[in-house]
Amino acid sequence: MRRTHGKASRLALLAALLPASGGNAAEREGAAGWRGNGRGEFPEAEPVLKWNIDNGRFVLWRTKLDFIYSSPVAVALMGKKAGVRVFTMAELDRLIAVDGDTGEMLWETVVGFHEAYEGEKRAKGRELFLEAMKLGAEKGRYGRWFVPPALAAQCKAAWAELGSAYHVGPAGHHRYTAPTPACDGKSVYAVVGTGAVGCYGLDGKRRWVRHHVPAGSASPVLFGDAVAVTEREAADRKSPSCLLALRRDTGKTIWRAALERRIWGTPVLVRTGKRLVLVTDNGEVVDTKDGAVLGCVLELKKQQSGGSPTVAGDVVYIPYGQYHGVNPNLTVAVKLAARELWKTEDRLGAAAQTSPLVVGDRLVVTAEKRTPWIYATATGKELHRTGPCLPFSTWGHRFCPSPTLAGKHVFLPDFDGRMYVLRLGKEWKIVAENHMGDSMGGSPFFQGKRMYVRTVSELICIGEE
């Protein structure tokens, strides 16, 4: 997942211990969402390592879809509807279901803020949104939308009359479908930057939609009977971000946690004894039972993250970043009563970080325009930088998608359309360099011997028959 970045952010690593009960909460929930189990690990996968997108070798199917930055999610269904369903997004506000076996598009639906209305208001809301996009937005490279301030003000006023929480920011770029959908096997949950969060049946029928002002590119997180989503600011605007728990069946608010720092990445579920908590990318810890903010495990102030946290054993790793060169980026492993385990030197003058990946006793960190860095999870010691032995150690290659572990191999996609397959031993070993035919802004999803990859123009299935 690509992250917004400033001109001179830097990278460092900090660690502290979080007393966890072991295992990943998302796995026990049986839910699939951002990075699969939230960590980017698919231990049971048996993926193809080398394929050819041009001659079709090991390419099971390719389905043309509109522009996207987020990742796909695949779910195996049982009963009468047995089979694999792949859910993905498409700009500006569409949720799409594809047959995982054939690549056939089964349905698509609009996840729009106007869906929360009925009758004339719904039609008017959709009309206003489309008019703004068609007449006032200039589509730039990679689908970025630049909205003139005057039009933004006009849209705000018009949508305010409808009671919508959505607003277009000042001139800047937007990726409305950067969040990855989540599925619990019964329903699909999606968040879009146009101002909505919605729940849909596996047949595409809308179950509920509500107004929502998403924060960054954070994806929905499932736990218990709830779905957690993030909002850009509190209703009273006294808090830069909020974390909400919504009922899965109705979308009604269970609790709302006002945070002291702005959220960009997706929170991670962590089990600490009998307590299940959400740890945000800015280090704040929220109890999933009642939304109580238990504290912040980071001492840094006015920081913004560059990726989503991950958890391994009793440690949570948080990619952390401050833009415009104010403070360095940090990847953190933390404890509620935060005890610093280790901190690396400030080495990289990189831009945005992706989400980290734990491979055994090593931590893989990537960033835009930088080569991957490998650290010992126990000490934070830099084991090696991949640059000397990898062909992609150049400033021109951009590692925007997060790395993923499938079986014993690391799949490392870049935004220039290459998918590197590596084996981690004493040294990195390049197993294959595959070309996907287009840019990738999201991470792959694995299921058995199949890999589902979303480029900016296609959904592709790689694997064996």
Protein backbone atom coordinates (compact mmCIF):
# COMPACT_ATOMS: atom_id res chain seq x y z
CA MET A 1 0.00 0.00 0.00
CA ARG A 2 1.45 3.27 -1.06
CA ARG A 3 1.94 6.04 1.50
CA THR A 4 2.06 9.79 1.21
CA HIS A 5 5.49 11.20 1.92
CA GLY A 6 7.43 14.39 2.31
CA LYS A 7 10.69 15.59 0.84
CA ALA A 8 13.20 14.59 3.47
CA SER A 9 11.93 11.90 5.80
CA ARG A 10 14.42 9.40 7.21
CA LEU A 11 14.31 5.85 8.55
CA ALA A 12 15.30 4.38 11.88
CA LEU A 13 14.14 1.46 14.03
CA LEU A 14 13.03 1.44 17.66
CA ALA A 15 11.76 -1.54 19.65
CA ALA A 16 10.04 -2.35 22.93
CA LEU A 17 8.10 -5.34 24.26
CA LEU A 18 4.32 -5.87 24.30
CA PRO A 19 3.19 -8.77 26.52
CA ALA A 20 1.14 -10.82 24.07
CA SER A 21 -0.43 -14.24 24.52
CA GLY A 22 0.96 -15.56 21.25
CA GLY A 23 -0.71 -16.10 17.90
CA ASN A 24 -2.52 -13.55 15.82
CA ALA A 25 -6.01 -12.40 16.72
CA ALA A 26 -7.05 -12.07 13.09
CA GLU A 27 -6.21 -15.73 12.48
CA ARG A 28 -8.42 -16.85 15.35
CA GLU A 29 -11.21 -14.63 14.05
CA GLY A 30 -11.05 -16.47 10.70
CA ALA A 31 -11.24 -13.16 8.85
CA ALA A 32 -9.33 -12.05 5.77
CA GLY A 33 -8.38 -8.47 5.08
CA TRP A 34 -5.36 -6.23 4.64
CA ARG A 35 -2.23 -8.42 4.30
CA GLY A 36 -4.38 -11.52 4.80
CA ASN A 37 -3.90 -12.14 8.53
CA GLY A 38 -2.69 -8.59 9.12
CA ARG A 39 0.96 -9.62 9.07
CA GLY A 40 1.54 -10.46 5.42
CA GLU A 41 2.21 -14.14 6.20
CA PHE A 42 0.77 -17.12 4.30
CA PRO A 43 2.66 -20.09 5.82
CA GLU A 44 0.56 -22.79 4.11
CA ALA A 45 0.92 -21.31 0.62
CA GLU A 46 2.69 -23.25 -2.13
CA PRO A 47 3.02 -20.61 -4.81
CA VAL A 48 4.57 -20.77 -8.24
CA LEU A 49 7.90 -18.96 -8.13
CA LYS A 50 8.49 -18.26 -11.81
CA TRP A 51 5.92 -17.34 -14.41
CA ASN A 52 5.67 -15.46 -17.69
CA ILE A 53 2.95 -12.87 -18.07
CA ASP A 54 3.60 -12.56 -21.82
CA ASN A 55 3.34 -16.19 -22.95
CA GLY A 56 0.88 -17.16 -20.21
CA ARG A 57 3.06 -19.69 -18.41
CA PHE A 58 1.37 -20.35 -15.05
CA VAL A 59 -1.02 -17.47 -15.68
CA LEU A 60 -4.45 -18.96 -15.00
CA TRP A 61 -6.45 -15.86 -15.88
CA ARG A 62 -6.31 -12.08 -16.25
CA THR A 63 -9.31 -9.81 -15.73
CA LYS A 64 -9.26 -6.18 -16.83
CA LEU A 65 -10.29 -3.77 -14.09
CA ASP A 66 -10.03 -0.03 -13.53
CA PHE A 67 -7.28 1.75 -11.61
CA ILE A 68 -6.52 0.71 -8.04
CA TYR A 69 -3.86 0.95 -5.31
CA SER A 70 -5.23 -1.51 -2.74
CA SER A 71 -4.73 -5.26 -2.39
CA PRO A 72 -7.15 -8.10 -3.25
CA VAL A 73 -8.71 -10.45 -0.68
CA ALA A 74 -9.58 -14.09 -1.48
CA VAL A 75 -12.01 -16.22 0.55
CA ALA A 76 -12.90 -19.90 0.12
CA LEU A 77 -16.65 -20.46 0.40
CA MET A 78 -18.43 -23.67 1.36
CA GLY A 79 -21.88 -25.10 0.70
CA LYS A 80 -23.98 -24.25 -2.36
CA LYS A 81 -21.73 -21.34 -3.25
CA ALA A 82 -18.52 -23.34 -2.83
CA GLY A 83 -15.49 -21.87 -4.55
CA VAL A 84 -13.10 -18.99 -4.21
CA ARG A 85 -14.26 -15.38 -4.28
CA VAL A 86 -11.80 -12.54 -4.78
CA PHE A 87 -12.80 -9.08 -3.65
CA THR A 88 -11.08 -5.96 -4.87
CA MET A 89 -11.73 -2.26 -5.35
CA ALA A 90 -11.68 0.07 -8.36
CA GLU A 91 -11.65 3.83 -8.54
CA LEU A 92 -13.50 5.86 -7.67
CA ASP A 93 -15.79 4.00 -5.28
CA ARG A 94 -16.49 0.48 -6.54
CA LEU A 95 -16.34 -2.90 -4.79
CA ILE A 96 -15.91 -5.85 -7.17
CA ALA A 97 -16.30 -9.63 -6.74
CA VAL A 98 -14.48 -12.02 -9.07
CA ASP A 99 -14.68 -15.81 -9.35
CA GLY A 100 -11.29 -16.99 -8.08
CA ASP A 101 -11.34 -20.08 -10.29
CA THR A 102 -12.27 -18.50 -13.63
CA GLY A 103 -11.61 -14.77 -13.32
CA GLU A 104 -15.21 -13.98 -14.25
CA MET A 105 -16.54 -10.76 -12.73
CA LEU A 106 -19.54 -11.75 -10.63
CA TRP A 107 -20.75 -8.32 -9.56
CA GLU A 108 -19.73 -4.79 -8.77
CA THR A 109 -21.38 -2.16 -6.62
CA VAL A 110 -20.82 1.47 -5.72
CA VAL A 111 -19.81 2.14 -2.11
CA GLY A 112 -20.95 5.74 -2.13
CA PHE A 113 -21.88 8.15 0.63
CA HIS A 114 -25.11 8.81 -1.25
CA GLU A 115 -26.17 5.19 -0.59
CA ALA A 116 -26.95 6.24 2.98
CA TYR A 117 -29.83 8.34 1.61
CA GLU A 118 -33.07 7.37 -0.04
CA GLY A 119 -34.89 8.80 -3.05
CA GLU A 120 -33.95 12.21 -4.43
CA LYS A 121 -31.14 12.81 -1.96
CA ARG A 122 -29.36 9.64 -3.08
CA ALA A 123 -29.56 10.60 -6.75
CA LYS A 124 -28.48 14.18 -6.02
CA GLY A 125 -25.53 13.07 -3.93
CA ARG A 126 -24.21 10.77 -6.64
CA GLU A 127 -24.74 13.47 -9.25
CA LEU A 128 -22.71 15.99 -7.24
CA PHE A 129 -19.86 13.57 -6.73
CA LEU A 130 -19.60 12.54 -10.38
CA GLU A 131 -19.87 16.13 -11.55
CA ALA A 132 -17.00 17.13 -9.28
CA MET A 133 -14.82 14.31 -10.58
CA LYS A 134 -15.60 14.85 -14.26
CA LEU A 135 -15.57 18.63 -14.43
CA GLY A 136 -13.28 19.72 -11.64
CA ALA A 137 -10.65 17.03 -11.40
CA GLU A 138 -7.65 16.61 -13.62
CA LYS A 139 -6.54 13.02 -13.90
CA GLY A 140 -2.74 12.97 -13.60
CA ARG A 141 -0.18 10.21 -13.73
CA TYR A 142 -1.15 7.02 -11.87
CA GLY A 143 -4.69 8.26 -11.49
CA ARG A 144 -4.11 11.09 -9.02
CA TRP A 145 -6.97 13.55 -8.81
CA PHE A 146 -6.22 17.26 -8.35
CA VAL A 147 -9.19 19.25 -7.09
CA PRO A 148 -9.06 23.06 -7.37
CA PRO A 149 -9.72 24.79 -4.01
CA ALA A 150 -12.68 26.72 -5.45
CA LEU A 151 -14.40 23.51 -6.54
CA ALA A 152 -13.60 21.86 -3.22
CA ALA A 153 -15.37 24.70 -1.40
CA GLN A 154 -18.36 24.43 -3.74
CA CYS A 155 -18.62 20.67 -3.19
CA LYS A 156 -18.37 21.05 0.57
CA ALA A 157 -21.25 23.49 0.59
CA ALA A 158 -23.42 21.31 -1.67
CA TRP A 159 -22.74 18.09 0.24
CA ALA A 160 -23.30 19.86 3.55
CA GLU A 161 -26.88 20.49 2.43
CA LEU A 162 -27.27 16.74 2.04
CA GLY A 163 -25.83 16.17 5.48
CA SER A 164 -22.87 14.23 4.10
CA ALA A 165 -19.67 13.96 6.10
CA TYR A 166 -17.64 13.79 2.91
CA HIS A 167 -15.46 16.66 1.85
CA VAL A 168 -12.85 17.15 -0.86
CA GLY A 169 -9.64 18.54 0.51
CA PRO A 170 -7.66 21.39 -1.02
CA ALA A 171 -5.57 20.77 -4.15
CA GLY A 172 -3.83 17.48 -3.56
CA HIS A 173 -3.93 13.86 -4.69
CA HIS A 174 -6.52 11.29 -3.67
CA ARG A 175 -6.72 7.54 -3.97
CA TYR A 176 -10.28 6.87 -2.99
CA THR A 177 -9.98 3.08 -2.92
CA ALA A 178 -6.59 2.68 -1.24
CA PRO A 179 -8.10 0.73 1.71
CA THR A 180 -8.31 -3.04 1.18
CA PRO A 181 -11.72 -4.70 1.79
CA ALA A 182 -12.24 -7.30 4.52
CA CYS A 183 -14.40 -10.44 4.43
CA ASP A 184 -15.61 -12.74 7.21
CA GLY A 185 -17.05 -15.40 4.88
CA LYS A 186 -20.56 -13.97 5.16
CA SER A 187 -20.17 -10.28 4.36
CA VAL A 188 -17.69 -7.93 2.72
CA TYR A 189 -16.72 -4.62 4.32
CA ALA A 190 -15.28 -1.72 2.34
CA VAL A 191 -14.10 1.82 3.09
CA VAL A 192 -13.75 4.46 0.39
CA GLY A 193 -12.33 7.96 0.46
CA THR A 194 -15.47 9.41 -1.04
CA GLY A 195 -16.97 9.37 2.44
CA ALA A 196 -18.52 5.97 3.08
CA VAL A 197 -18.07 2.62 4.81
CA GLY A 198 -20.36 -0.20 3.76
CA CYS A 199 -21.25 -3.85 4.28
CA TYR A 200 -22.36 -6.10 1.41
CA GLY A 201 -23.51 -9.69 1.12
CA LEU A 202 -21.52 -12.19 -0.92
CA ASP A 203 -24.09 -11.61 -3.66
CA GLY A 204 -23.29 -7.89 -3.76
CA LYS A 205 -26.49 -6.74 -2.07
CA ARG A 206 -26.06 -3.76 0.22
CA ARG A 207 -26.71 -4.47 3.89
CA TRP A 208 -25.77 -1.07 5.24
CA VAL A 209 -23.82 2.06 4.36
CA ARG A 210 -22.95 4.98 6.56
CA HIS A 211 -21.16 8.29 6.19
CA HIS A 212 -17.50 8.12 7.00
CA VAL A 213 -14.43 10.34 6.63
CA PRO A 214 -11.59 7.81 6.30
CA ALA A 215 -8.12 8.46 7.68
CA GLY A 216 -5.33 7.89 5.18
CA SER A 217 -5.47 4.46 3.58
CA ALA A 218 -6.45 2.48 6.69
CA SER A 219 -8.39 -0.72 5.90
CA PRO A 220 -11.26 -2.18 7.98
CA VAL A 221 -10.29 -4.64 10.74
CA LEU A 222 -12.64 -7.42 11.91
CA PHE A 223 -12.91 -8.67 15.49
CA GLY A 224 -15.75 -10.28 17.43
CA ASP A 225 -19.04 -8.95 16.08
CA ALA A 226 -17.47 -5.64 15.09
CA VAL A 227 -15.55 -3.99 12.29
CA ALA A 228 -13.04 -1.29 13.21
CA VAL A 229 -12.53 1.71 10.93
CA THR A 230 -10.61 4.95 11.33
CA GLU A 231 -11.83 8.50 10.82
CA ARG A 232 -9.84 11.56 9.94
CA GLU A 233 -10.99 13.65 12.90
CA ALA A 234 -13.44 13.66 15.77
CA ALA A 235 -16.89 15.15 15.30
CA ASP A 236 -15.94 18.10 17.49
CA ARG A 237 -12.64 18.41 15.59
CA LYS A 238 -10.71 18.36 18.85
CA SER A 239 -9.00 15.10 17.95
CA PRO A 240 -6.95 14.53 14.74
CA SER A 241 -8.24 10.95 14.33
CA CYS A 242 -10.82 8.54 15.72
CA LEU A 243 -11.03 4.77 15.85
CA LEU A 244 -14.58 3.41 15.59
CA ALA A 245 -16.05 -0.02 16.25
CA LEU A 246 -19.22 -0.66 14.23
CA ARG A 247 -21.67 -3.55 14.52
CA ARG A 248 -21.13 -5.91 11.61
CA ASP A 249 -24.86 -6.55 11.19
CA THR A 250 -26.15 -2.95 11.31
CA GLY A 251 -23.21 -0.55 11.02
CA LYS A 252 -24.22 1.19 14.24
CA THR A 253 -21.45 2.61 16.42
CA ILE A 254 -20.41 0.46 19.38
CA TRP A 255 -17.72 2.84 20.60
CA ARG A 256 -15.61 5.72 19.34
CA ALA A 257 -12.05 6.33 20.57
CA ALA A 258 -10.65 9.84 20.15
CA LEU A 259 -6.91 9.68 19.44
CA GLU A 260 -4.18 12.24 19.98
CA ARG A 261 -2.41 11.52 16.71
CA ARG A 262 -3.50 11.14 13.14
CA ILE A 263 -3.82 7.63 11.71
CA TRP A 264 -2.59 6.64 8.26
CA GLY A 265 -2.05 2.88 8.30
CA THR A 266 -4.27 -0.03 9.37
CA PRO A 267 -4.27 -0.87 13.13
CA VAL A 268 -3.19 -4.35 14.17
CA LEU A 269 -5.01 -6.68 16.61
CA VAL A 270 -2.91 -7.91 19.52
CA ARG A 271 -3.95 -10.27 22.33
CA THR A 272 -2.42 -9.22 25.69
CA GLY A 273 -3.50 -11.77 28.27
CA LYS A 274 -7.32 -11.70 28.32
CA ARG A 275 -7.43 -8.31 26.63
CA LEU A 276 -7.66 -7.77 22.87
CA VAL A 277 -6.30 -4.41 21.78
CA LEU A 278 -5.78 -2.46 18.59
CA VAL A 279 -2.39 -0.82 18.15
CA THR A 280 -2.37 2.06 15.67
CA ASP A 281 0.46 3.07 13.39
CA ASN A 282 1.10 6.04 15.68
CA GLY A 283 1.55 3.90 18.76
CA GLU A 284 -1.77 4.43 20.54
CA VAL A 285 -3.35 1.34 22.13
CA VAL A 286 -7.15 0.94 22.20
CA ASP A 287 -9.13 -1.70 24.11
CA THR A 288 -11.54 -3.43 21.71
CA LYS A 289 -14.02 -4.09 24.56
CA ASP A 290 -15.00 -0.46 25.18
CA GLY A 291 -12.76 1.76 23.05
CA ALA A 292 -10.73 2.97 26.02
CA VAL A 293 -7.41 4.48 24.96
CA LEU A 294 -4.93 2.70 27.22
CA GLY A 295 -2.04 4.94 26.31
CA CYS A 296 0.61 5.57 23.69
CA VAL A 297 3.69 3.41 23.43
CA LEU A 298 5.71 6.02 21.59
CA GLU A 299 7.26 9.10 23.15
CA LEU A 300 7.66 10.96 19.87
CA LYS A 301 5.36 13.86 19.17
CA LYS A 302 3.60 15.09 16.05
CA GLN A 303 4.53 12.02 14.04
CA GLN A 304 2.77 10.39 11.11
CA SER A 305 3.18 6.80 10.02
CA GLY A 306 4.32 5.42 6.73
CA GLY A 307 2.76 1.97 6.93
CA SER A 308 0.75 -0.51 8.99
CA PRO A 309 1.99 -2.30 12.14
CA THR A 310 2.66 -6.02 12.27
CA VAL A 311 2.91 -8.45 15.19
CA ALA A 312 5.17 -11.45 15.80
CA GLY A 313 5.16 -13.30 19.11
CA ASP A 314 5.27 -10.72 21.91
CA VAL A 315 6.46 -7.82 19.79
CA VAL A 316 4.58 -5.30 17.66
CA TYR A 317 6.51 -3.55 14.91
CA ILE A 318 5.27 -0.13 13.83
CA PRO A 319 6.54 1.70 10.75
CA TYR A 320 6.57 5.30 11.82
CA GLY A 321 7.20 8.51 9.89
CA GLN A 322 7.18 12.25 10.11
CA TYR A 323 7.07 14.19 6.90
CA HIS A 324 8.82 17.35 5.73
CA GLY A 325 12.05 16.38 7.42
CA VAL A 326 10.92 17.30 10.96
CA ASN A 327 11.75 13.94 12.53
CA PRO A 328 13.03 10.57 11.29
CA ASN A 329 10.84 7.64 10.28
CA LEU A 330 10.75 4.90 12.87
CA THR A 331 9.81 1.25 12.96
CA VAL A 332 8.88 0.38 16.51
CA ALA A 333 8.28 -2.73 18.58
CA VAL A 334 6.47 -1.79 21.74
CA LYS A 335 5.10 -2.71 25.19
CA LEU A 336 2.12 -1.13 26.97
CA ALA A 337 4.54 -0.01 29.67
CA ALA A 338 6.91 0.65 26.82
CA ARG A 339 10.41 -0.65 27.43
CA GLU A 340 12.74 0.15 24.58
CA LEU A 341 14.40 -2.97 23.24
CA TRP A 342 16.53 -1.44 20.54
CA LYS A 343 16.90 1.43 18.16
CA THR A 344 18.92 1.56 14.99
CA GLU A 345 20.85 4.41 13.54
CA ASP A 346 19.08 6.83 11.25
CA ARG A 347 20.36 5.43 7.97
CA LEU A 348 17.91 5.90 5.13
CA GLY A 349 17.01 9.19 3.56
CA ALA A 350 14.03 7.36 2.09
CA ALA A 351 10.51 8.58 1.59
CA ALA A 352 7.53 6.46 2.67
CA GLN A 353 7.98 3.09 4.33
CA THR A 354 5.82 0.09 3.59
CA SER A 355 4.56 -2.29 6.27
CA PRO A 356 7.34 -4.44 7.80
CA LEU A 357 7.55 -8.23 7.47
CA VAL A 358 8.91 -10.63 10.07
CA VAL A 359 10.70 -13.68 8.65
CA GLY A 360 11.91 -15.91 11.48
CA ASP A 361 14.34 -13.85 13.54
CA ARG A 362 14.62 -11.11 10.94
CA LEU A 363 12.69 -7.98 10.14
CA VAL A 364 12.36 -6.92 6.50
CA VAL A 365 11.85 -3.20 5.94
CA THR A 366 11.34 -1.57 2.56
CA ALA A 367 10.74 1.99 1.48
CA GLU A 368 10.26 3.99 -1.67
CA LYS A 369 13.40 4.43 -3.74
CA ARG A 370 15.46 2.27 -1.37
CA THR A 371 16.63 -1.31 -1.21
CA PRO A 372 15.24 -3.64 1.48
CA TRP A 373 16.99 -3.62 4.85
CA ILE A 374 17.25 -6.63 7.15
CA TYR A 375 17.43 -6.38 10.94
CA ALA A 376 17.66 -8.91 13.76
CA THR A 377 14.31 -8.83 15.57
CA ALA A 378 15.94 -9.47 18.97
CA THR A 379 18.62 -6.78 18.86
CA GLY A 380 17.83 -4.46 15.97
CA LYS A 381 21.26 -5.15 14.54
CA GLU A 382 21.55 -4.52 10.82
CA LEU A 383 22.30 -7.95 9.36
CA HIS A 384 22.73 -6.88 5.79
CA ARG A 385 21.41 -4.56 3.19
CA THR A 386 20.27 -6.31 0.04
CA GLY A 387 21.80 -3.76 -2.30
CA PRO A 388 25.14 -5.48 -3.04
CA CYS A 389 23.47 -8.63 -4.39
CA LEU A 390 20.20 -7.40 -5.88
CA PRO A 391 19.72 -5.77 -9.28
CA PHE A 392 17.03 -3.40 -8.01
CA SER A 393 19.23 -1.39 -5.62
CA THR A 394 18.66 1.86 -7.45
CA TRP A 395 16.87 5.09 -6.69
CA GLY A 396 14.57 4.56 -9.65
CA HIS A 397 12.70 1.52 -8.28
CA ARG A 398 9.87 2.13 -5.85
CA PHE A 399 8.85 -0.37 -3.20
CA CYS A 400 5.37 0.95 -2.48
CA PRO A 401 3.58 -2.41 -1.94
CA SER A 402 4.44 -4.22 1.28
CA PRO A 403 6.51 -7.44 1.24
CA THR A 404 4.69 -10.77 1.75
CA LEU A 405 5.84 -14.18 3.00
CA ALA A 406 4.33 -17.17 1.15
CA GLY A 407 5.60 -20.51 2.38
CA LYS A 408 9.36 -20.08 2.61
CA HIS A 409 9.69 -17.29 0.08
CA VAL A 410 9.35 -13.53 0.25
CA PHE A 411 7.41 -11.87 -2.55
CA LEU A 412 8.52 -8.31 -3.07
CA PRO A 413 6.47 -6.29 -5.60
CA ASP A 414 7.51 -2.85 -6.75
CA PHE A 415 5.52 -0.04 -8.29
CA ASP A 416 7.35 -0.43 -11.60
CA GLY A 417 5.70 -3.78 -12.28
CA ARG A 418 8.30 -6.28 -11.05
CA MET A 419 7.65 -9.08 -8.59
CA TYR A 420 10.84 -10.38 -6.98
CA VAL A 421 10.84 -13.77 -5.28
CA LEU A 422 13.53 -14.19 -2.65
CA ARG A 423 14.72 -16.83 -0.20
CA LEU A 424 16.12 -15.65 3.10
CA GLY A 425 19.16 -17.52 4.39
CA LYS A 426 22.52 -16.21 5.50
CA GLU A 427 22.22 -14.01 2.45
CA TRP A 428 19.28 -13.10 0.28
CA LYS A 429 18.94 -15.34 -2.74
CA ILE A 430 17.00 -14.16 -5.77
CA VAL A 431 14.84 -17.04 -6.92
CA ALA A 432 13.05 -15.16 -9.70
CA GLU A 433 12.32 -11.76 -11.14
CA ASN A 434 8.87 -11.69 -12.72
CA HIS A 435 7.21 -8.92 -14.69
CA MET A 436 3.51 -8.24 -14.18
CA GLY A 437 2.91 -6.00 -17.19
CA ASP A 438 1.81 -2.94 -15.16
CA SER A 439 2.41 -1.05 -11.92
CA MET A 440 1.44 -2.59 -8.59
CA GLY A 441 0.27 -0.50 -5.66
CA GLY A 442 -0.95 -3.39 -3.48
CA SER A 443 0.43 -6.63 -2.08
CA PRO A 444 -0.40 -10.14 -3.40
CA PHE A 445 -2.83 -12.52 -1.67
CA PHE A 446 -2.07 -16.25 -1.54
CA GLN A 447 -4.35 -19.26 -1.25
CA GLY A 448 -2.92 -22.75 -1.66
CA LYS A 449 -1.04 -22.92 -4.94
CA ARG A 450 -2.54 -19.69 -6.26
CA MET A 451 -1.51 -16.07 -5.99
CA TYR A 452 -3.87 -13.18 -6.72
CA VAL A 453 -2.18 -9.97 -7.81
CA ARG A 454 -3.82 -6.60 -8.43
CA THR A 455 -2.02 -4.31 -10.85
CA VAL A 456 -3.37 -0.87 -11.58
CA SER A 457 -5.26 -2.28 -14.59
CA GLU A 458 -5.84 -6.01 -13.95
CA LEU A 459 -6.57 -8.73 -11.43
CA ILE A 460 -4.27 -11.66 -12.21
CA CYS A 461 -4.23 -15.24 -10.93
CA ILE A 462 -0.86 -17.03 -10.98
CA GLY A 463 -0.62 -20.74 -10.14
CA GLU A 464 -1.05 -24.32 -11.22
CA GLU A 465 -4.26 -25.89 -12.51
